[in-house]
Amino acid sequence: MIVACPICRKETEWQGNPHRPFCSDRCRMIDLGAWSSEEYRVPSETFPSAEEIGEAE
Protein backbone atom coordinates (compact mmCIF):
# COMPACT_ATOMS: atom_id res chain seq x y z
CA MET A 1 0.00 0.00 0.00
CA ILE A 2 1.28 3.49 -0.88
CA VAL A 3 0.53 6.37 1.53
CA ALA A 4 1.42 10.06 1.61
CA CYS A 5 3.86 11.22 4.29
CA PRO A 6 1.93 13.54 6.66
CA ILE A 7 4.82 16.04 6.68
CA CYS A 8 6.15 16.32 3.11
CA ARG A 9 3.30 14.51 1.27
CA LYS A 10 5.81 12.28 -0.58
CA GLU A 11 4.36 8.91 -1.54
CA THR A 12 5.91 6.13 0.50
CA GLU A 13 5.43 2.40 0.97
CA TRP A 14 3.56 1.39 4.14
CA GLN A 15 4.78 -2.21 4.38
CA GLY A 16 8.35 -2.60 5.59
CA ASN A 17 8.81 1.14 6.25
CA PRO A 18 10.45 1.57 9.68
CA HIS A 19 9.42 5.25 9.76
CA ARG A 20 5.75 4.82 8.90
CA PRO A 21 3.56 6.78 8.57
CA PHE A 22 6.45 9.08 7.61
CA CYS A 23 8.71 8.64 4.59
CA SER A 24 11.97 9.14 6.50
CA ASP A 25 13.56 9.71 9.87
CA ARG A 26 13.82 13.42 8.98
CA CYS A 27 10.02 13.78 8.63
CA ARG A 28 9.49 11.74 11.80
CA MET A 29 11.77 14.10 13.74
CA ILE A 30 10.03 17.19 12.30
CA ASP A 31 6.74 15.81 13.63
CA LEU A 32 8.26 15.03 17.04
CA GLY A 33 9.64 18.57 17.21
CA ALA A 34 6.21 20.00 16.45
CA TRP A 35 4.72 18.01 19.34
CA SER A 36 7.50 19.02 21.75
CA SER A 37 7.15 22.71 20.86
CA GLU A 38 3.37 22.42 21.38
CA GLU A 39 2.47 23.20 17.76
CA TYR A 40 0.01 20.30 18.00
CA ARG A 41 -2.49 20.02 20.81
CA VAL A 42 -4.96 17.37 21.82
CA PRO A 43 -8.34 18.91 22.69
CA SER A 44 -9.46 18.35 26.24
CA GLU A 45 -12.10 19.48 28.65
CA THR A 46 -11.46 22.74 30.47
CA PHE A 47 -10.50 22.43 34.10
CA PRO A 48 -12.06 24.58 36.84
CA SER A 49 -10.11 27.67 37.82
CA ALA A 50 -8.60 28.06 41.30
CA GLU A 51 -11.44 30.45 42.21
CA GLU A 52 -14.08 27.93 41.16
CA ILE A 53 -12.39 25.25 43.24
CA GLY A 54 -12.26 27.55 46.27
CA GLU A 55 -15.95 28.39 45.92
CA ALA A 56 -16.89 24.72 45.94
CA GLU A 57 -15.31 24.08 49.36
PDB file of N, CA and C in Angstrom:
ATOM      1  N   MET A   1       0.844  -1.165   0.000  1.00  0.00           N
ATOM      2  CA  MET A   1       0.000   0.000   0.000  1.00  0.00           C
ATOM      3  C   MET A   1       0.903   1.246   0.000  1.00  0.00           C
ATOM      4  N   ILE A   2       0.560   2.221  -0.793  1.00  0.00           N
ATOM      5  CA  ILE A   2       1.281   3.488  -0.875  1.00  0.00           C
ATOM      6  C   ILE A   2       0.482   4.545  -0.107  1.00  0.00           C
ATOM      7  N   VAL A   3       1.164   5.297   0.754  1.00  0.00           N
ATOM      8  CA  VAL A   3       0.528   6.370   1.528  1.00  0.00           C
ATOM      9  C   VAL A   3       1.339   7.647   1.363  1.00  0.00           C
ATOM     10  N   ALA A   4       0.726   8.770   1.666  1.00  0.00           N
ATOM     11  CA  ALA A   4       1.424  10.056   1.612  1.00  0.00           C
ATOM     12  C   ALA A   4       1.980  10.377   2.996  1.00  0.00           C
ATOM     13  N   CYS A   5       3.225  10.800   3.041  1.00  0.00           N
ATOM     14  CA  CYS A   5       3.858  11.220   4.294  1.00  0.00           C
ATOM     15  C   CYS A   5       3.075  12.422   4.840  1.00  0.00           C
ATOM     16  N   PRO A   6       2.706  12.420   6.118  1.00  0.00           N
ATOM     17  CA  PRO A   6       1.933  13.538   6.664  1.00  0.00           C
ATOM     18  C   PRO A   6       2.712  14.855   6.729  1.00  0.00           C
ATOM     19  N   ILE A   7       4.016  14.817   6.610  1.00  0.00           N
ATOM     20  CA  ILE A   7       4.817  16.039   6.680  1.00  0.00           C
ATOM     21  C   ILE A   7       5.098  16.601   5.289  1.00  0.00           C
ATOM     22  N   CYS A   8       5.725  15.808   4.421  1.00  0.00           N
ATOM     23  CA  CYS A   8       6.150  16.321   3.112  1.00  0.00           C
ATOM     24  C   CYS A   8       5.235  15.892   1.966  1.00  0.00           C
ATOM     25  N   ARG A   9       4.270  15.009   2.242  1.00  0.00           N
ATOM     26  CA  ARG A   9       3.304  14.509   1.265  1.00  0.00           C
ATOM     27  C   ARG A   9       3.919  13.598   0.205  1.00  0.00           C
ATOM     28  N   LYS A  10       5.168  13.203   0.359  1.00  0.00           N
ATOM     29  CA  LYS A  10       5.814  12.277  -0.578  1.00  0.00           C
ATOM     30  C   LYS A  10       5.152  10.908  -0.447  1.00  0.00           C
ATOM     31  N   GLU A  11       4.923  10.254  -1.576  1.00  0.00           N
ATOM     32  CA  GLU A  11       4.357   8.915  -1.545  1.00  0.00           C
ATOM     33  C   GLU A  11       5.408   7.942  -1.022  1.00  0.00           C
ATOM     34  N   THR A  12       4.988   7.073  -0.110  1.00  0.00           N
ATOM     35  CA  THR A  12       5.913   6.127   0.502  1.00  0.00           C
ATOM     36  C   THR A  12       5.210   4.798   0.735  1.00  0.00           C
ATOM     37  N   GLU A  13       5.961   3.739   0.744  1.00  0.00           N
ATOM     38  CA  GLU A  13       5.435   2.397   0.969  1.00  0.00           C
ATOM     39  C   GLU A  13       5.103   2.215   2.448  1.00  0.00           C
ATOM     40  N   TRP A  14       3.949   1.635   2.754  1.00  0.00           N
ATOM     41  CA  TRP A  14       3.561   1.393   4.140  1.00  0.00           C
ATOM     42  C   TRP A  14       4.259   0.142   4.684  1.00  0.00           C
ATOM     43  N   GLN A  15       4.193  -0.945   3.942  1.00  0.00           N
ATOM     44  CA  GLN A  15       4.783  -2.209   4.381  1.00  0.00           C
ATOM     45  C   GLN A  15       6.311  -2.108   4.405  1.00  0.00           C
ATOM     46  N   GLY A  16       6.903  -2.547   5.482  1.00  0.00           N
ATOM     47  CA  GLY A  16       8.352  -2.602   5.587  1.00  0.00           C
ATOM     48  C   GLY A  16       9.015  -1.251   5.815  1.00  0.00           C
ATOM     49  N   ASN A  17       8.247  -0.200   6.020  1.00  0.00           N
ATOM     50  CA  ASN A  17       8.806   1.138   6.249  1.00  0.00           C
ATOM     51  C   ASN A  17       8.996   1.344   7.755  1.00  0.00           C
ATOM     52  N   PRO A  18      10.222   1.420   8.238  1.00  0.00           N
ATOM     53  CA  PRO A  18      10.449   1.573   9.679  1.00  0.00           C
ATOM     54  C   PRO A  18      10.047   2.948  10.214  1.00  0.00           C
ATOM     55  N   HIS A  19       9.772   3.892   9.330  1.00  0.00           N
ATOM     56  CA  HIS A  19       9.425   5.249   9.763  1.00  0.00           C
ATOM     57  C   HIS A  19       7.932   5.552   9.617  1.00  0.00           C
ATOM     58  N   ARG A  20       7.148   4.550   9.209  1.00  0.00           N
ATOM     59  CA  ARG A  20       5.752   4.825   8.900  1.00  0.00           C
ATOM     60  C   ARG A  20       5.042   5.487  10.055  1.00  0.00           C
ATOM     61  N   PRO A  21       4.152   6.383   9.839  1.00  0.00           N
ATOM     62  CA  PRO A  21       3.556   6.785   8.570  1.00  0.00           C
ATOM     63  C   PRO A  21       4.399   7.796   7.793  1.00  0.00           C
ATOM     64  N   PHE A  22       5.591   8.096   8.266  1.00  0.00           N
ATOM     65  CA  PHE A  22       6.454   9.080   7.606  1.00  0.00           C
ATOM     66  C   PHE A  22       7.323   8.406   6.553  1.00  0.00           C
ATOM     67  N   CYS A  23       7.880   9.204   5.642  1.00  0.00           N
ATOM     68  CA  CYS A  23       8.713   8.644   4.586  1.00  0.00           C
ATOM     69  C   CYS A  23      10.158   8.455   5.046  1.00  0.00           C
ATOM     70  N   SER A  24      10.571   9.186   6.078  1.00  0.00           N
ATOM     71  CA  SER A  24      11.972   9.141   6.499  1.00  0.00           C
ATOM     72  C   SER A  24      12.097   9.516   7.973  1.00  0.00           C
ATOM     73  N   ASP A  25      13.285   9.305   8.500  1.00  0.00           N
ATOM     74  CA  ASP A  25      13.560   9.709   9.872  1.00  0.00           C
ATOM     75  C   ASP A  25      13.485  11.230  10.012  1.00  0.00           C
ATOM     76  N   ARG A  26      13.871  11.947   8.963  1.00  0.00           N
ATOM     77  CA  ARG A  26      13.816  13.421   8.981  1.00  0.00           C
ATOM     78  C   ARG A  26      12.380  13.902   9.220  1.00  0.00           C
ATOM     79  N   CYS A  27      11.420  13.366   8.466  1.00  0.00           N
ATOM     80  CA  CYS A  27      10.024  13.779   8.632  1.00  0.00           C
ATOM     81  C   CYS A  27       9.490  13.353   9.997  1.00  0.00           C
ATOM     82  N   ARG A  28       9.907  12.199  10.470  1.00  0.00           N
ATOM     83  CA  ARG A  28       9.485  11.740  11.799  1.00  0.00           C
ATOM     84  C   ARG A  28       9.970  12.703  12.876  1.00  0.00           C
ATOM     85  N   MET A  29      11.215  13.176  12.758  1.00  0.00           N
ATOM     86  CA  MET A  29      11.771  14.105  13.743  1.00  0.00           C
ATOM     87  C   MET A  29      11.126  15.487  13.645  1.00  0.00           C
ATOM     88  N   ILE A  30      10.760  15.917  12.447  1.00  0.00           N
ATOM     89  CA  ILE A  30      10.033  17.189  12.300  1.00  0.00           C
ATOM     90  C   ILE A  30       8.718  17.110  13.058  1.00  0.00           C
ATOM     91  N   ASP A  31       8.006  15.990  12.925  1.00  0.00           N
ATOM     92  CA  ASP A  31       6.737  15.812  13.626  1.00  0.00           C
ATOM     93  C   ASP A  31       6.942  15.788  15.141  1.00  0.00           C
ATOM     94  N   LEU A  32       7.964  15.079  15.600  1.00  0.00           N
ATOM     95  CA  LEU A  32       8.260  15.029  17.035  1.00  0.00           C
ATOM     96  C   LEU A  32       8.572  16.428  17.563  1.00  0.00           C
ATOM     97  N   GLY A  33       9.333  17.198  16.803  1.00  0.00           N
ATOM     98  CA  GLY A  33       9.642  18.567  17.207  1.00  0.00           C
ATOM     99  C   GLY A  33       8.401  19.435  17.310  1.00  0.00           C
ATOM    100  N   ALA A  34       7.460  19.229  16.401  1.00  0.00           N
ATOM    101  CA  ALA A  34       6.209  19.999  16.453  1.00  0.00           C
ATOM    102  C   ALA A  34       5.419  19.668  17.720  1.00  0.00           C
ATOM    103  N   TRP A  35       5.395  18.380  18.103  1.00  0.00           N
ATOM    104  CA  TRP A  35       4.717  18.012  19.344  1.00  0.00           C
ATOM    105  C   TRP A  35       5.429  18.610  20.556  1.00  0.00           C
ATOM    106  N   SER A  36       6.761  18.544  20.573  1.00  0.00           N
ATOM    107  CA  SER A  36       7.496  19.020  21.747  1.00  0.00           C
ATOM    108  C   SER A  36       7.454  20.538  21.880  1.00  0.00           C
ATOM    109  N   SER A  37       7.267  21.253  20.777  1.00  0.00           N
ATOM    110  CA  SER A  37       7.148  22.713  20.861  1.00  0.00           C
ATOM    111  C   SER A  37       5.690  23.161  20.967  1.00  0.00           C
ATOM    112  N   GLU A  38       4.790  22.191  21.173  1.00  0.00           N
ATOM    113  CA  GLU A  38       3.366  22.421  21.380  1.00  0.00           C
ATOM    114  C   GLU A  38       2.669  23.056  20.181  1.00  0.00           C
ATOM    115  N   GLU A  39       3.173  22.763  18.960  1.00  0.00           N
ATOM    116  CA  GLU A  39       2.467  23.198  17.762  1.00  0.00           C
ATOM    117  C   GLU A  39       1.192  22.387  17.569  1.00  0.00           C
ATOM    118  N   TYR A  40       1.194  21.151  18.039  1.00  0.00           N
ATOM    119  CA  TYR A  40       0.013  20.297  17.999  1.00  0.00           C
ATOM    120  C   TYR A  40      -0.546  20.234  19.411  1.00  0.00           C
ATOM    121  N   ARG A  41      -1.857  20.160  19.503  1.00  0.00           N
ATOM    122  CA  ARG A  41      -2.492  20.023  20.815  1.00  0.00           C
ATOM    123  C   ARG A  41      -3.651  19.053  20.716  1.00  0.00           C
ATOM    124  N   VAL A  42      -3.844  18.284  21.743  1.00  0.00           N
ATOM    125  CA  VAL A  42      -4.961  17.367  21.819  1.00  0.00           C
ATOM    126  C   VAL A  42      -6.070  18.087  22.581  1.00  0.00           C
ATOM    127  N   PRO A  43      -7.250  18.207  21.983  1.00  0.00           N
ATOM    128  CA  PRO A  43      -8.336  18.911  22.686  1.00  0.00           C
ATOM    129  C   PRO A  43      -8.718  18.174  23.967  1.00  0.00           C
ATOM    130  N   SER A  44      -9.046  18.938  24.973  1.00  0.00           N
ATOM    131  CA  SER A  44      -9.462  18.345  26.240  1.00  0.00           C
ATOM    132  C   SER A  44     -10.511  19.230  26.879  1.00  0.00           C
ATOM    133  N   GLU A  45     -11.116  18.701  27.909  1.00  0.00           N
ATOM    134  CA  GLU A  45     -12.100  19.479  28.646  1.00  0.00           C
ATOM    135  C   GLU A  45     -11.375  20.578  29.420  1.00  0.00           C
ATOM    136  N   THR A  46     -12.060  21.676  29.664  1.00  0.00           N
ATOM    137  CA  THR A  46     -11.459  22.738  30.466  1.00  0.00           C
ATOM    138  C   THR A  46     -11.545  22.347  31.937  1.00  0.00           C
ATOM    139  N   PHE A  47     -10.541  22.720  32.683  1.00  0.00           N
ATOM    140  CA  PHE A  47     -10.502  22.429  34.102  1.00  0.00           C
ATOM    141  C   PHE A  47     -10.991  23.645  34.874  1.00  0.00           C
ATOM    142  N   PRO A  48     -11.585  23.433  36.048  1.00  0.00           N
ATOM    143  CA  PRO A  48     -12.055  24.576  36.836  1.00  0.00           C
ATOM    144  C   PRO A  48     -10.888  25.443  37.301  1.00  0.00           C
ATOM    145  N   SER A  49     -11.138  26.739  37.360  1.00  0.00           N
ATOM    146  CA  SER A  49     -10.112  27.665  37.820  1.00  0.00           C
ATOM    147  C   SER A  49      -9.922  27.525  39.331  1.00  0.00           C
ATOM    148  N   ALA A  50      -8.869  28.110  39.858  1.00  0.00           N
ATOM    149  CA  ALA A  50      -8.600  28.063  41.301  1.00  0.00           C
ATOM    150  C   ALA A  50      -9.754  28.702  42.072  1.00  0.00           C
ATOM    151  N   GLU A  51     -10.314  29.790  41.535  1.00  0.00           N
ATOM    152  CA  GLU A  51     -11.444  30.453  42.212  1.00  0.00           C
ATOM    153  C   GLU A  51     -12.676  29.556  42.277  1.00  0.00           C
ATOM    154  N   GLU A  52     -12.939  28.848  41.183  1.00  0.00           N
ATOM    155  CA  GLU A  52     -14.075  27.931  41.156  1.00  0.00           C
ATOM    156  C   GLU A  52     -13.888  26.790  42.140  1.00  0.00           C
ATOM    157  N   ILE A  53     -12.672  26.321  42.284  1.00  0.00           N
ATOM    158  CA  ILE A  53     -12.393  25.246  43.241  1.00  0.00           C
ATOM    159  C   ILE A  53     -12.579  25.764  44.656  1.00  0.00           C
ATOM    160  N   GLY A  54     -12.112  26.969  44.935  1.00  0.00           N
ATOM    161  CA  GLY A  54     -12.258  27.553  46.268  1.00  0.00           C
ATOM    162  C   GLY A  54     -13.707  27.797  46.639  1.00  0.00           C
ATOM    163  N   GLU A  55     -14.534  28.144  45.660  1.00  0.00           N
ATOM    164  CA  GLU A  55     -15.951  28.388  45.916  1.00  0.00           C
ATOM    165  C   GLU A  55     -16.681  27.103  46.259  1.00  0.00           C
ATOM    166  N   ALA A  56     -16.218  25.989  45.731  1.00  0.00           N
ATOM    167  CA  ALA A  56     -16.892  24.720  45.944  1.00  0.00           C
ATOM    168  C   ALA A  56     -16.665  24.176  47.356  1.00  0.00           C
ATOM    169  N   GLU A  57     -15.633  24.620  48.027  1.00  0.00           N
ATOM    170  CA  GLU A  57     -15.311  24.078  49.355  1.00  0.00           C
ATOM    171  C   GLU A  57     -16.106  24.714  50.438  1.00  0.00           C
TER     172      GLU A  57
END
